[in-house]
Amino acid sequence: MAKTKTGYVPPKGKPTGSGHETHGLKNAFAVNDLETENALAEQYTDSEDKPSANVNLRHKNRSLPKGENNNNNSQKSLIMDVISKDEFKELANYQADGCVSIFIPTHSSGVEVNEKYDTIVFKNNVQKARQELTAKGLDQRKVDSILAPAVDLIKDEEFWNKQANGLAVFAAENFFKLYQLPLPVKEETLVNSSFFLSPVLPVMEKRHRFYLLVLSKHACKFYEGDQFEMKKLEIDELPTGIDDVVPFELKEARQLHRRAGTAAGPGASVGASFHGHGSGLADDEEYLQQYLKEVDQTLWTEVLHNQHVPLVLASVDY
């Protein structure tokens, strides 16, 4: 990876994407005074002051690497896909010399992930922030302190392999937070006495979450979605089909038992049938009920017991 005076050059001559606007996001607008910021917080957030229990953190709280502590009072960062009212107010009211706001579009798959494109773009923007902090007269030790968590993030391959559509980073001395966003953002880096928040306003709007259960005898898949995206949820205890609940060996044994009873004569046929039906239809219904109950109990125990979210069922008529 080559380095120039203005930053790092991606492999194979790919552009960093600087200056290119993405689609599907409202145009950013500048906000300069705290009163207006607080008014926007009231407008674009719901009544919840804290993230609800069903907001999943995409990543563990991040601080400096183990064994390092460049900032004695370093505030741990949060990686979330929703910004609460309190979070927004904290960012809006924070003021300090050298508040760094970095926004980049990111990718969850494809050649961009394989060639570490997002990492390179982020590194270029960290380099730009360093130049701007230095130009504002901050001494080198303070610049290093502000950007230390961002520099460490560049080295985290696991993080860069699990991206959403956009990334917002807010850094200052003893302060560092980042948010994975469900919408792409325009690439830009700003250094000021407060953070630049306009690009995150669209994700402040209330999310309309729902669950989708796709169900058949041979497949069971569970998804979570909203107006931005849909993702499959992996639930270890959820059956993947009826055979996970009723083993094939058990069904085969019952069928053999029926055939044996039928061969022994009419009297034996009645005695060998568990439900009084020679066709095995009752057994099939019993297996299906057992399977559906298992799906229902698993979803309730693992996910739905503390949720107030609509559940959509996609299935054939059994």
C-alpha atoms as a PDB file:
ATOM      1  CA  MET A   1       0.000   0.000   0.000  1.00  0.00           C
ATOM      2  CA  ALA A   2       1.628   3.238  -1.136  1.00  0.00           C
ATOM      3  CA  LYS A   3       1.663   6.427   0.917  1.00  0.00           C
ATOM      4  CA  THR A   4       1.709   9.967  -0.439  1.00  0.00           C
ATOM      5  CA  LYS A   5       1.748  13.375   1.207  1.00  0.00           C
ATOM      6  CA  THR A   6      -2.056  13.426   1.200  1.00  0.00           C
ATOM      7  CA  GLY A   7      -2.717   9.885   2.417  1.00  0.00           C
ATOM      8  CA  TYR A   8      -2.710   6.238   1.414  1.00  0.00           C
ATOM      9  CA  VAL A   9      -3.362   4.952  -2.082  1.00  0.00           C
ATOM     10  CA  PRO A  10      -5.683   1.909  -2.471  1.00  0.00           C
ATOM     11  CA  PRO A  11      -4.360  -1.119  -4.367  1.00  0.00           C
ATOM     12  CA  LYS A  12      -4.883  -1.382  -8.146  1.00  0.00           C
ATOM     13  CA  GLY A  13      -5.375   2.359  -8.427  1.00  0.00           C
ATOM     14  CA  LYS A  14      -8.893   2.405  -6.969  1.00  0.00           C
ATOM     15  CA  PRO A  15     -10.159   5.876  -5.992  1.00  0.00           C
ATOM     16  CA  THR A  16     -10.904   6.494  -2.355  1.00  0.00           C
ATOM     17  CA  GLY A  17     -14.375   7.741  -3.192  1.00  0.00           C
ATOM     18  CA  SER A  18     -13.686  11.225  -1.904  1.00  0.00           C
ATOM     19  CA  GLY A  19     -16.124  13.747  -3.273  1.00  0.00           C
ATOM     20  CA  HIS A  20     -18.580  11.139  -4.566  1.00  0.00           C
ATOM     21  CA  GLU A  21     -22.026  11.333  -3.039  1.00  0.00           C
ATOM     22  CA  THR A  22     -24.053   8.201  -2.420  1.00  0.00           C
ATOM     23  CA  HIS A  23     -27.738   7.784  -3.168  1.00  0.00           C
ATOM     24  CA  GLY A  24     -30.657   7.266  -0.818  1.00  0.00           C
ATOM     25  CA  LEU A  25     -29.613   9.729   1.902  1.00  0.00           C
ATOM     26  CA  LYS A  26     -30.946  13.185   2.608  1.00  0.00           C
ATOM     27  CA  ASN A  27     -28.596  16.071   1.916  1.00  0.00           C
ATOM     28  CA  ALA A  28     -26.645  17.112   4.994  1.00  0.00           C
ATOM     29  CA  PHE A  29     -27.161  20.572   6.384  1.00  0.00           C
ATOM     30  CA  ALA A  30     -24.940  22.487   8.763  1.00  0.00           C
ATOM     31  CA  VAL A  31     -25.875  23.044  12.383  1.00  0.00           C
ATOM     32  CA  ASN A  32     -23.705  25.440  14.364  1.00  0.00           C
ATOM     33  CA  ASP A  33     -25.437  26.381  17.637  1.00  0.00           C
ATOM     34  CA  LEU A  34     -26.367  24.183  20.585  1.00  0.00           C
ATOM     35  CA  GLU A  35     -29.946  25.466  20.810  1.00  0.00           C
ATOM     36  CA  THR A  36     -30.653  24.330  17.258  1.00  0.00           C
ATOM     37  CA  GLU A  37     -28.917  20.988  17.914  1.00  0.00           C
ATOM     38  CA  ASN A  38     -31.143  20.336  20.942  1.00  0.00           C
ATOM     39  CA  ALA A  39     -34.245  21.285  18.952  1.00  0.00           C
ATOM     40  CA  LEU A  40     -33.243  18.782  16.278  1.00  0.00           C
ATOM     41  CA  ALA A  41     -32.719  16.145  18.946  1.00  0.00           C
ATOM     42  CA  GLU A  42     -36.317  16.632  20.114  1.00  0.00           C
ATOM     43  CA  GLN A  43     -37.595  16.484  16.533  1.00  0.00           C
ATOM     44  CA  TYR A  44     -35.730  13.427  15.305  1.00  0.00           C
ATOM     45  CA  THR A  45     -35.814  11.155  18.352  1.00  0.00           C
ATOM     46  CA  ASP A  46     -38.635   9.328  20.061  1.00  0.00           C
ATOM     47  CA  SER A  47     -39.578   9.686  23.699  1.00  0.00           C
ATOM     48  CA  GLU A  48     -37.078   7.075  24.876  1.00  0.00           C
ATOM     49  CA  ASP A  49     -34.091   8.588  26.676  1.00  0.00           C
ATOM     50  CA  LYS A  50     -32.153   5.347  26.632  1.00  0.00           C
ATOM     51  CA  PRO A  51     -31.738   2.529  24.109  1.00  0.00           C
ATOM     52  CA  SER A  52     -34.443  -0.055  24.659  1.00  0.00           C
ATOM     53  CA  ALA A  53     -33.584  -3.571  25.733  1.00  0.00           C
ATOM     54  CA  ASN A  54     -34.118  -4.898  22.206  1.00  0.00           C
ATOM     55  CA  VAL A  55     -31.383  -2.694  20.694  1.00  0.00           C
ATOM     56  CA  ASN A  56     -28.575  -5.074  19.870  1.00  0.00           C
ATOM     57  CA  LEU A  57     -24.994  -3.871  20.143  1.00  0.00           C
ATOM     58  CA  ARG A  58     -23.146  -4.812  16.985  1.00  0.00           C
ATOM     59  CA  HIS A  59     -19.817  -4.964  18.749  1.00  0.00           C
ATOM     60  CA  LYS A  60     -18.362  -4.967  22.252  1.00  0.00           C
ATOM     61  CA  ASN A  61     -17.497  -1.672  23.842  1.00  0.00           C
ATOM     62  CA  ARG A  62     -14.187  -0.637  22.425  1.00  0.00           C
ATOM     63  CA  SER A  63     -11.309   1.161  24.118  1.00  0.00           C
ATOM     64  CA  LEU A  64      -7.556   1.056  23.609  1.00  0.00           C
ATOM     65  CA  PRO A  65      -5.764  -2.276  23.095  1.00  0.00           C
ATOM     66  CA  LYS A  66      -5.020  -4.430  26.116  1.00  0.00           C
ATOM     67  CA  GLY A  67      -1.982  -3.176  27.946  1.00  0.00           C
ATOM     68  CA  GLU A  68      -2.249   0.353  26.520  1.00  0.00           C
ATOM     69  CA  ASN A  69      -3.804   3.368  28.183  1.00  0.00           C
ATOM     70  CA  ASN A  70      -2.818   6.555  26.398  1.00  0.00           C
ATOM     71  CA  ASN A  71      -5.896   8.354  27.789  1.00  0.00           C
ATOM     72  CA  ASN A  72      -6.321   7.839  31.508  1.00  0.00           C
ATOM     73  CA  ASN A  73      -9.971   8.856  31.337  1.00  0.00           C
ATOM     74  CA  SER A  74     -10.674   7.454  27.883  1.00  0.00           C
ATOM     75  CA  GLN A  75     -14.384   6.964  27.290  1.00  0.00           C
ATOM     76  CA  LYS A  76     -15.288   3.652  25.718  1.00  0.00           C
ATOM     77  CA  SER A  77     -16.901   3.790  22.329  1.00  0.00           C
ATOM     78  CA  LEU A  78     -20.218   2.266  21.352  1.00  0.00           C
ATOM     79  CA  ILE A  79     -20.957   0.558  18.074  1.00  0.00           C
ATOM     80  CA  MET A  80     -24.685   0.668  17.471  1.00  0.00           C
ATOM     81  CA  ASP A  81     -27.077   0.953  14.576  1.00  0.00           C
ATOM     82  CA  VAL A  82     -29.472   3.261  16.432  1.00  0.00           C
ATOM     83  CA  ILE A  83     -28.650   6.559  18.131  1.00  0.00           C
ATOM     84  CA  SER A  84     -30.802   7.344  21.155  1.00  0.00           C
ATOM     85  CA  LYS A  85     -31.983  10.759  22.277  1.00  0.00           C
ATOM     86  CA  ASP A  86     -29.424  10.852  25.102  1.00  0.00           C
ATOM     87  CA  GLU A  87     -26.624   9.802  22.765  1.00  0.00           C
ATOM     88  CA  PHE A  88     -27.504  12.529  20.300  1.00  0.00           C
ATOM     89  CA  LYS A  89     -27.688  15.206  23.009  1.00  0.00           C
ATOM     90  CA  GLU A  90     -24.340  14.124  24.409  1.00  0.00           C
ATOM     91  CA  LEU A  91     -22.725  14.456  20.998  1.00  0.00           C
ATOM     92  CA  ALA A  92     -24.472  17.762  20.278  1.00  0.00           C
ATOM     93  CA  ASN A  93     -23.457  19.346  23.587  1.00  0.00           C
ATOM     94  CA  TYR A  94     -19.861  18.143  23.578  1.00  0.00           C
ATOM     95  CA  GLN A  95     -17.342  20.925  23.005  1.00  0.00           C
ATOM     96  CA  ALA A  96     -13.549  20.756  23.008  1.00  0.00           C
ATOM     97  CA  ASP A  97     -10.509  21.747  21.016  1.00  0.00           C
ATOM     98  CA  GLY A  98     -10.239  19.345  18.133  1.00  0.00           C
ATOM     99  CA  CYS A  99     -13.569  17.495  17.814  1.00  0.00           C
ATOM    100  CA  VAL A 100     -13.171  15.108  14.872  1.00  0.00           C
ATOM    101  CA  SER A 101     -16.168  13.839  12.869  1.00  0.00           C
ATOM    102  CA  ILE A 102     -15.480  11.169  10.231  1.00  0.00           C
ATOM    103  CA  PHE A 103     -18.116   9.680   7.917  1.00  0.00           C
ATOM    104  CA  ILE A 104     -17.499   7.006   5.281  1.00  0.00           C
ATOM    105  CA  PRO A 105     -19.727   4.634   3.272  1.00  0.00           C
ATOM    106  CA  THR A 106     -18.909   0.990   4.039  1.00  0.00           C
ATOM    107  CA  HIS A 107     -19.527  -2.457   2.539  1.00  0.00           C
ATOM    108  CA  SER A 108     -20.691  -5.735   4.044  1.00  0.00           C
ATOM    109  CA  SER A 109     -19.498  -7.972   1.181  1.00  0.00           C
ATOM    110  CA  GLY A 110     -17.783  -8.026  -2.191  1.00  0.00           C
ATOM    111  CA  VAL A 111     -14.384  -7.038  -3.520  1.00  0.00           C
ATOM    112  CA  GLU A 112     -14.390  -3.928  -1.323  1.00  0.00           C
ATOM    113  CA  VAL A 113     -14.215  -6.150   1.770  1.00  0.00           C
ATOM    114  CA  ASN A 114     -11.662  -8.538   0.276  1.00  0.00           C
ATOM    115  CA  GLU A 115      -9.328  -5.716  -0.749  1.00  0.00           C
ATOM    116  CA  LYS A 116      -9.841  -3.801   2.528  1.00  0.00           C
ATOM    117  CA  TYR A 117     -11.235  -0.811   0.668  1.00  0.00           C
ATOM    118  CA  ASP A 118     -13.124   0.581   3.673  1.00  0.00           C
ATOM    119  CA  THR A 119     -10.032   0.303   5.861  1.00  0.00           C
ATOM    120  CA  ILE A 120      -8.008   2.309   3.336  1.00  0.00           C
ATOM    121  CA  VAL A 121     -10.674   4.996   3.007  1.00  0.00           C
ATOM    122  CA  PHE A 122     -10.908   5.315   6.773  1.00  0.00           C
ATOM    123  CA  LYS A 123      -7.109   5.493   7.109  1.00  0.00           C
ATOM    124  CA  ASN A 124      -7.009   8.333   4.561  1.00  0.00           C
ATOM    125  CA  ASN A 125      -9.613  10.235   6.545  1.00  0.00           C
ATOM    126  CA  VAL A 126      -7.733   9.720   9.809  1.00  0.00           C
ATOM    127  CA  GLN A 127      -4.658  11.111   8.051  1.00  0.00           C
ATOM    128  CA  LYS A 128      -6.709  14.100   6.911  1.00  0.00           C
ATOM    129  CA  ALA A 129      -7.947  14.678  10.463  1.00  0.00           C
ATOM    130  CA  ARG A 130      -4.359  14.576  11.729  1.00  0.00           C
ATOM    131  CA  GLN A 131      -3.342  17.250   9.233  1.00  0.00           C
ATOM    132  CA  GLU A 132      -6.283  19.483  10.175  1.00  0.00           C
ATOM    133  CA  LEU A 133      -5.666  19.092  13.919  1.00  0.00           C
ATOM    134  CA  THR A 134      -2.022  20.032  13.425  1.00  0.00           C
ATOM    135  CA  ALA A 135      -2.991  22.999  11.267  1.00  0.00           C
ATOM    136  CA  LYS A 136      -5.214  24.282  14.107  1.00  0.00           C
ATOM    137  CA  GLY A 137      -2.181  24.482  16.365  1.00  0.00           C
ATOM    138  CA  LEU A 138      -2.712  21.420  18.575  1.00  0.00           C
ATOM    139  CA  ASP A 139       0.540  19.926  19.846  1.00  0.00           C
ATOM    140  CA  GLN A 140       1.580  16.499  18.579  1.00  0.00           C
ATOM    141  CA  ARG A 141       0.917  14.673  21.852  1.00  0.00           C
ATOM    142  CA  LYS A 142      -2.674  15.913  21.953  1.00  0.00           C
ATOM    143  CA  VAL A 143      -3.208  15.019  18.291  1.00  0.00           C
ATOM    144  CA  ASP A 144      -1.881  11.509  18.946  1.00  0.00           C
ATOM    145  CA  SER A 145      -4.123  11.194  22.008  1.00  0.00           C
ATOM    146  CA  ILE A 146      -7.260  12.198  20.081  1.00  0.00           C
ATOM    147  CA  LEU A 147      -6.596   9.853  17.144  1.00  0.00           C
ATOM    148  CA  ALA A 148      -5.134   6.865  19.060  1.00  0.00           C
ATOM    149  CA  PRO A 149      -8.434   4.891  19.167  1.00  0.00           C
ATOM    150  CA  ALA A 150      -9.029   5.561  15.448  1.00  0.00           C
ATOM    151  CA  VAL A 151      -5.512   4.388  14.576  1.00  0.00           C
ATOM    152  CA  ASP A 152      -6.116   1.248  16.623  1.00  0.00           C
ATOM    153  CA  LEU A 153      -9.417   0.667  14.808  1.00  0.00           C
ATOM    154  CA  ILE A 154      -7.589   0.563  11.467  1.00  0.00           C
ATOM    155  CA  LYS A 155      -5.805  -2.601  12.630  1.00  0.00           C
ATOM    156  CA  ASP A 156      -9.002  -4.418  13.664  1.00  0.00           C
ATOM    157  CA  GLU A 157      -9.650  -6.795  10.751  1.00  0.00           C
ATOM    158  CA  GLU A 158     -12.630  -8.442  12.440  1.00  0.00           C
ATOM    159  CA  PHE A 159     -14.377  -5.078  12.752  1.00  0.00           C
ATOM    160  CA  TRP A 160     -13.851  -4.182   9.082  1.00  0.00           C
ATOM    161  CA  ASN A 161     -15.192  -7.566   7.963  1.00  0.00           C
ATOM    162  CA  LYS A 162     -18.527  -6.872   9.680  1.00  0.00           C
ATOM    163  CA  GLN A 163     -19.704  -3.536   8.327  1.00  0.00           C
ATOM    164  CA  ALA A 164     -23.123  -2.113   7.584  1.00  0.00           C
ATOM    165  CA  ASN A 165     -23.763   0.617   4.969  1.00  0.00           C
ATOM    166  CA  GLY A 166     -22.091   3.548   6.669  1.00  0.00           C
ATOM    167  CA  LEU A 167     -19.765   4.443   9.521  1.00  0.00           C
ATOM    168  CA  ALA A 168     -19.758   7.548  11.741  1.00  0.00           C
ATOM    169  CA  VAL A 169     -16.818   8.224  14.075  1.00  0.00           C
ATOM    170  CA  PHE A 170     -16.623  10.968  16.699  1.00  0.00           C
ATOM    171  CA  ALA A 171     -13.287  11.560  18.410  1.00  0.00           C
ATOM    172  CA  ALA A 172     -11.904  14.127  20.841  1.00  0.00           C
ATOM    173  CA  GLU A 173      -9.513  13.999  23.755  1.00  0.00           C
ATOM    174  CA  ASN A 174     -10.770  11.306  26.174  1.00  0.00           C
ATOM    175  CA  PHE A 175     -13.805  10.753  23.927  1.00  0.00           C
ATOM    176  CA  PHE A 176     -14.332   8.230  21.112  1.00  0.00           C
ATOM    177  CA  LYS A 177     -17.572   6.790  19.743  1.00  0.00           C
ATOM    178  CA  LEU A 178     -18.542   5.132  16.492  1.00  0.00           C
ATOM    179  CA  TYR A 179     -21.799   4.023  14.955  1.00  0.00           C
ATOM    180  CA  GLN A 180     -22.471   1.519  12.189  1.00  0.00           C
ATOM    181  CA  LEU A 181     -25.273   3.039  10.145  1.00  0.00           C
ATOM    182  CA  PRO A 182     -27.995   1.269   8.124  1.00  0.00           C
ATOM    183  CA  LEU A 183     -27.731   3.950   5.402  1.00  0.00           C
ATOM    184  CA  PRO A 184     -24.725   5.045   3.322  1.00  0.00           C
ATOM    185  CA  VAL A 185     -23.222   8.444   4.068  1.00  0.00           C
ATOM    186  CA  LYS A 186     -21.118  10.869   2.089  1.00  0.00           C
ATOM    187  CA  GLU A 187     -17.396  10.532   2.786  1.00  0.00           C
ATOM    188  CA  GLU A 188     -16.155  13.540   4.726  1.00  0.00           C
ATOM    189  CA  THR A 189     -13.984  14.544   7.686  1.00  0.00           C
ATOM    190  CA  LEU A 190     -14.506  17.700   9.732  1.00  0.00           C
ATOM    191  CA  VAL A 191     -12.512  19.130  12.636  1.00  0.00           C
ATOM    192  CA  ASN A 192     -14.105  21.828  14.786  1.00  0.00           C
ATOM    193  CA  SER A 193     -14.896  22.749  18.385  1.00  0.00           C
ATOM    194  CA  SER A 194     -17.996  20.513  18.264  1.00  0.00           C
ATOM    195  CA  PHE A 195     -19.129  17.431  16.344  1.00  0.00           C
ATOM    196  CA  PHE A 196     -20.878  17.571  12.956  1.00  0.00           C
ATOM    197  CA  LEU A 197     -24.134  15.585  13.281  1.00  0.00           C
ATOM    198  CA  SER A 198     -26.233  16.339  10.209  1.00  0.00           C
ATOM    199  CA  PRO A 199     -25.360  13.080   8.347  1.00  0.00           C
ATOM    200  CA  VAL A 200     -26.749  10.919  11.178  1.00  0.00           C
ATOM    201  CA  LEU A 201     -30.136  12.656  11.385  1.00  0.00           C
ATOM    202  CA  PRO A 202     -31.891  10.225   8.985  1.00  0.00           C
ATOM    203  CA  VAL A 203     -31.168   7.265  11.316  1.00  0.00           C
ATOM    204  CA  MET A 204     -32.595   9.193  14.262  1.00  0.00           C
ATOM    205  CA  GLU A 205     -36.075   8.605  12.891  1.00  0.00           C
ATOM    206  CA  LYS A 206     -37.978   5.830  14.606  1.00  0.00           C
ATOM    207  CA  ARG A 207     -37.256   2.366  13.228  1.00  0.00           C
ATOM    208  CA  HIS A 208     -40.256   0.261  12.257  1.00  0.00           C
ATOM    209  CA  ARG A 209     -39.010  -3.188  13.235  1.00  0.00           C
ATOM    210  CA  PHE A 210     -40.678  -6.509  12.459  1.00  0.00           C
ATOM    211  CA  TYR A 211     -39.863 -10.208  12.472  1.00  0.00           C
ATOM    212  CA  LEU A 212     -40.458 -12.620   9.588  1.00  0.00           C
ATOM    213  CA  LEU A 213     -40.825 -16.379  10.058  1.00  0.00           C
ATOM    214  CA  VAL A 214     -40.527 -18.454   6.872  1.00  0.00           C
ATOM    215  CA  LEU A 215     -41.890 -21.886   7.712  1.00  0.00           C
ATOM    216  CA  SER A 216     -42.413 -25.221   5.978  1.00  0.00           C
ATOM    217  CA  LYS A 217     -41.926 -28.874   6.900  1.00  0.00           C
ATOM    218  CA  HIS A 218     -38.439 -28.799   5.429  1.00  0.00           C
ATOM    219  CA  ALA A 219     -37.244 -25.320   6.396  1.00  0.00           C
ATOM    220  CA  CYS A 220     -37.568 -22.796   9.206  1.00  0.00           C
ATOM    221  CA  LYS A 221     -35.884 -19.382   8.884  1.00  0.00           C
ATOM    222  CA  PHE A 222     -36.246 -16.334  11.112  1.00  0.00           C
ATOM    223  CA  TYR A 223     -35.496 -12.745  10.039  1.00  0.00           C
ATOM    224  CA  GLU A 224     -35.447  -9.282  11.598  1.00  0.00           C
ATOM    225  CA  GLY A 225     -36.207  -6.293   9.390  1.00  0.00           C
ATOM    226  CA  ASP A 226     -37.042  -2.596   9.329  1.00  0.00           C
ATOM    227  CA  GLN A 227     -37.404   0.124   6.683  1.00  0.00           C
ATOM    228  CA  PHE A 228     -33.637   0.008   6.097  1.00  0.00           C
ATOM    229  CA  GLU A 229     -32.660  -3.663   5.900  1.00  0.00           C
ATOM    230  CA  MET A 230     -33.512  -7.292   6.651  1.00  0.00           C
ATOM    231  CA  LYS A 231     -31.149  -9.835   8.157  1.00  0.00           C
ATOM    232  CA  LYS A 232     -31.423 -13.504   9.050  1.00  0.00           C
ATOM    233  CA  LEU A 233     -31.142 -14.301  12.757  1.00  0.00           C
ATOM    234  CA  GLU A 234     -29.293 -17.443  13.751  1.00  0.00           C
ATOM    235  CA  ILE A 235     -31.021 -19.124  16.709  1.00  0.00           C
ATOM    236  CA  ASP A 236     -29.218 -22.276  17.786  1.00  0.00           C
ATOM    237  CA  GLU A 237     -32.231 -24.027  19.303  1.00  0.00           C
ATOM    238  CA  LEU A 238     -34.616 -23.303  16.406  1.00  0.00           C
ATOM    239  CA  PRO A 239     -35.448 -26.422  14.339  1.00  0.00           C
ATOM    240  CA  THR A 240     -34.447 -26.243  10.696  1.00  0.00           C
ATOM    241  CA  GLY A 241     -37.244 -28.606   9.671  1.00  0.00           C
ATOM    242  CA  ILE A 242     -39.600 -31.268  10.964  1.00  0.00           C
ATOM    243  CA  ASP A 243     -36.811 -33.887  10.921  1.00  0.00           C
ATOM    244  CA  ASP A 244     -35.016 -31.939  13.660  1.00  0.00           C
ATOM    245  CA  VAL A 245     -37.981 -32.600  15.964  1.00  0.00           C
ATOM    246  CA  VAL A 246     -39.215 -35.985  14.733  1.00  0.00           C
ATOM    247  CA  PRO A 247     -36.277 -38.132  13.651  1.00  0.00           C
ATOM    248  CA  PHE A 248     -36.663 -40.047  10.395  1.00  0.00           C
ATOM    249  CA  GLU A 249     -35.952 -43.304  12.247  1.00  0.00           C
ATOM    250  CA  LEU A 250     -39.007 -42.808  14.471  1.00  0.00           C
ATOM    251  CA  LYS A 251     -41.324 -42.158  11.515  1.00  0.00           C
ATOM    252  CA  GLU A 252     -39.915 -45.131   9.628  1.00  0.00           C
ATOM    253  CA  ALA A 253     -40.352 -47.374  12.669  1.00  0.00           C
ATOM    254  CA  ARG A 254     -44.025 -46.394  12.954  1.00  0.00           C
ATOM    255  CA  GLN A 255     -44.601 -47.068   9.263  1.00  0.00           C
ATOM    256  CA  LEU A 256     -43.003 -50.511   9.569  1.00  0.00           C
ATOM    257  CA  HIS A 257     -45.124 -51.199  12.626  1.00  0.00           C
ATOM    258  CA  ARG A 258     -48.268 -50.320  10.658  1.00  0.00           C
ATOM    259  CA  ARG A 259     -47.318 -52.512   7.709  1.00  0.00           C
ATOM    260  CA  ALA A 260     -46.574 -55.399  10.042  1.00  0.00           C
ATOM    261  CA  GLY A 261     -49.951 -55.002  11.734  1.00  0.00           C
ATOM    262  CA  THR A 262     -51.784 -54.882   8.411  1.00  0.00           C
ATOM    263  CA  ALA A 263     -50.086 -58.040   7.194  1.00  0.00           C
ATOM    264  CA  ALA A 264     -51.216 -59.932  10.298  1.00  0.00           C
ATOM    265  CA  GLY A 265     -54.875 -59.453   9.474  1.00  0.00           C
ATOM    266  CA  PRO A 266     -57.761 -57.083  10.081  1.00  0.00           C
ATOM    267  CA  GLY A 267     -57.698 -57.526  13.841  1.00  0.00           C
ATOM    268  CA  ALA A 268     -53.953 -56.902  14.034  1.00  0.00           C
ATOM    269  CA  SER A 269     -54.311 -53.855  11.785  1.00  0.00           C
ATOM    270  CA  VAL A 270     -56.604 -52.171  14.281  1.00  0.00           C
ATOM    271  CA  GLY A 271     -54.318 -53.039  17.182  1.00  0.00           C
ATOM    272  CA  ALA A 272     -51.180 -51.794  15.389  1.00  0.00           C
ATOM    273  CA  SER A 273     -52.621 -48.422  14.429  1.00  0.00           C
ATOM    274  CA  PHE A 274     -51.840 -45.773  17.051  1.00  0.00           C
ATOM    275  CA  HIS A 275     -54.812 -43.584  16.122  1.00  0.00           C
ATOM    276  CA  GLY A 276     -57.125 -46.064  14.404  1.00  0.00           C
ATOM    277  CA  HIS A 277     -56.112 -44.941  10.873  1.00  0.00           C
ATOM    278  CA  GLY A 278     -54.341 -47.300   8.536  1.00  0.00           C
ATOM    279  CA  SER A 279     -53.072 -44.484   6.251  1.00  0.00           C
ATOM    280  CA  GLY A 280     -50.782 -42.894   8.849  1.00  0.00           C
ATOM    281  CA  LEU A 281     -52.463 -39.473   8.446  1.00  0.00           C
ATOM    282  CA  ALA A 282     -52.925 -39.014  12.186  1.00  0.00           C
ATOM    283  CA  ASP A 283     -49.238 -39.648  12.785  1.00  0.00           C
ATOM    284  CA  ASP A 284     -48.345 -36.969  10.223  1.00  0.00           C
ATOM    285  CA  GLU A 285     -50.589 -34.482  12.005  1.00  0.00           C
ATOM    286  CA  GLU A 286     -49.017 -35.380  15.330  1.00  0.00           C
ATOM    287  CA  TYR A 287     -45.511 -34.854  13.940  1.00  0.00           C
ATOM    288  CA  LEU A 288     -46.510 -31.503  12.454  1.00  0.00           C
ATOM    289  CA  GLN A 289     -48.042 -30.302  15.731  1.00  0.00           C
ATOM    290  CA  GLN A 290     -44.934 -31.363  17.608  1.00  0.00           C
ATOM    291  CA  TYR A 291     -42.746 -29.473  15.132  1.00  0.00           C
ATOM    292  CA  LEU A 292     -44.854 -26.277  15.249  1.00  0.00           C
ATOM    293  CA  LYS A 293     -44.937 -26.319  19.048  1.00  0.00           C
ATOM    294  CA  GLU A 294     -41.161 -26.619  19.132  1.00  0.00           C
ATOM    295  CA  VAL A 295     -40.775 -23.642  16.778  1.00  0.00           C
ATOM    296  CA  ASP A 296     -43.263 -21.606  18.818  1.00  0.00           C
ATOM    297  CA  GLN A 297     -41.658 -22.380  22.187  1.00  0.00           C
ATOM    298  CA  THR A 298     -38.123 -21.735  20.916  1.00  0.00           C
ATOM    299  CA  LEU A 299     -38.954 -18.358  19.388  1.00  0.00           C
ATOM    300  CA  TRP A 300     -40.852 -17.291  22.485  1.00  0.00           C
ATOM    301  CA  THR A 301     -38.070 -18.334  24.868  1.00  0.00           C
ATOM    302  CA  GLU A 302     -35.123 -17.031  22.824  1.00  0.00           C
ATOM    303  CA  VAL A 303     -36.550 -13.852  21.236  1.00  0.00           C
ATOM    304  CA  LEU A 304     -40.210 -12.918  21.516  1.00  0.00           C
ATOM    305  CA  HIS A 305     -40.901 -13.084  25.269  1.00  0.00           C
ATOM    306  CA  ASN A 306     -39.732  -9.483  25.838  1.00  0.00           C
ATOM    307  CA  GLN A 307     -40.519  -7.986  22.428  1.00  0.00           C
ATOM    308  CA  HIS A 308     -43.424  -5.847  21.228  1.00  0.00           C
ATOM    309  CA  VAL A 309     -42.695  -6.220  17.525  1.00  0.00           C
ATOM    310  CA  PRO A 310     -45.008  -7.538  14.767  1.00  0.00           C
ATOM    311  CA  LEU A 311     -44.348 -11.079  13.556  1.00  0.00           C
ATOM    312  CA  VAL A 312     -45.088 -11.913   9.918  1.00  0.00           C
ATOM    313  CA  LEU A 313     -45.624 -15.569   9.006  1.00  0.00           C
ATOM    314  CA  ALA A 314     -44.845 -16.839   5.493  1.00  0.00           C
ATOM    315  CA  SER A 315     -45.970 -20.466   5.146  1.00  0.00           C
ATOM    316  CA  VAL A 316     -48.122 -22.903   3.228  1.00  0.00           C
ATOM    317  CA  ASP A 317     -51.535 -23.849   4.633  1.00  0.00           C
ATOM    318  CA  TYR A 318     -51.145 -26.928   6.776  1.00  0.00           C
END
